[in-house]
Amino acid sequence: MDKKYLIIGGVIILLIIVLLIPISLASVYLLTSDLSIGDGNIAMISIDEPLQLNTGPTGPFDTKELSVEDYIDALERAEEDSSIKAIILKINCPGGEVIASEKLARKVKEVSKKKPVVAYIETIGTSGGYMVVAPATYIVAEKHSIVGSIGVRMDMLQYYGLMDKLGINATVIKAGKYKDIGSPYRPMTREEREYLENMVNEIYMDFVVWVAENRNMSINKTLEVADGKIYSGHDAKKVGLVDYVGTEEDAINITMEIANISNPEIVEYTPSKLEGFFSLLSNMIYNLGYGIGVGISKNNKNIGIFNY
């Protein structure tokens, strides 16, 4: 009997050890992934996805995508670290939500007043992604990267025509003339469309002014290039949206020159994605893909999120 209990106890201890090993590895991964601060001279922050305010895992298998608050925190850490003399923003970002883009852009401008911030557009830096780098001390872009797309859009899905064909009726009871503006259940009135267009135009002009002020361009000159058009890195240089056409190595060399440093260590400051527990146990693989859009609002009013 004692031998039987001994075997059972041994099996239980073995199972506990087997379970603790991946948990320990996962904990070490999470801790070390955030300890990216070192004694280097240049902080590297990569922005590789659409800009959004609120993100988070919805289950144990999901990965928490990065929000602008994560990037803002990384910028603040780099700003406060006395061993960091300059910051490089490595951009692969197609844009994102208006408020998210504006918050991060303001932070970049704030930090650039204290330490040089060099933006390196690797593949794409458009819409909100470009808004973020506009106040940088210097902008480097790959020759065949995509830059610009300065504009604003608002997406709404309407399916009242399909509902008519299917014989489906939706009854909306409201208080307030504009409470169901953008409703998918009916055509938009001319007055409603003009109202929303005025909002979009106001946001657009704020974007134009931001670019003009931070790139030392006139409003008229900025309006010429801020028509939603995309430019190659080569053409972006011609119209004044970037300062230099080059590689990541060029961006590092330029940063060294601006910060007046030599032989710096490049310290990774990119915030880490927080993965679901089971994702960590399966080799910590996460999805790096992203879409150009961020989707429509989830409420019944069908009002699209303003996007750069």
Foldseek 3Di string as FASTA:
>chain_A
DVVVVVVVVVVVVVVVVVVVVLVVVLVVCQVVLQPLDDLWAEEEAEDQAEEDADWDDPDLFFWTDDHLVLVLVLLVVLLPDPSYQEYEYEYNYLWYFLVRLVVLLVSQLVSCVRHAYEYEDEAEQEASSLSNCLQGPAYEYAQFHKYYLQFKDWDFAADLVVCVVVVHADDDDDDDPCPLQRFNNDDHDPVSVVVVVVVRVVSSLVSLVSNCVNQVHDSVLSVVRNPRDMDGSNVCCVSRSHPYHDDPVVSVVVSCVVSVHPPTDHGYSHRDMGHRPVCSSVVVDDDSDYDSYDDADPDNSRTGGMID
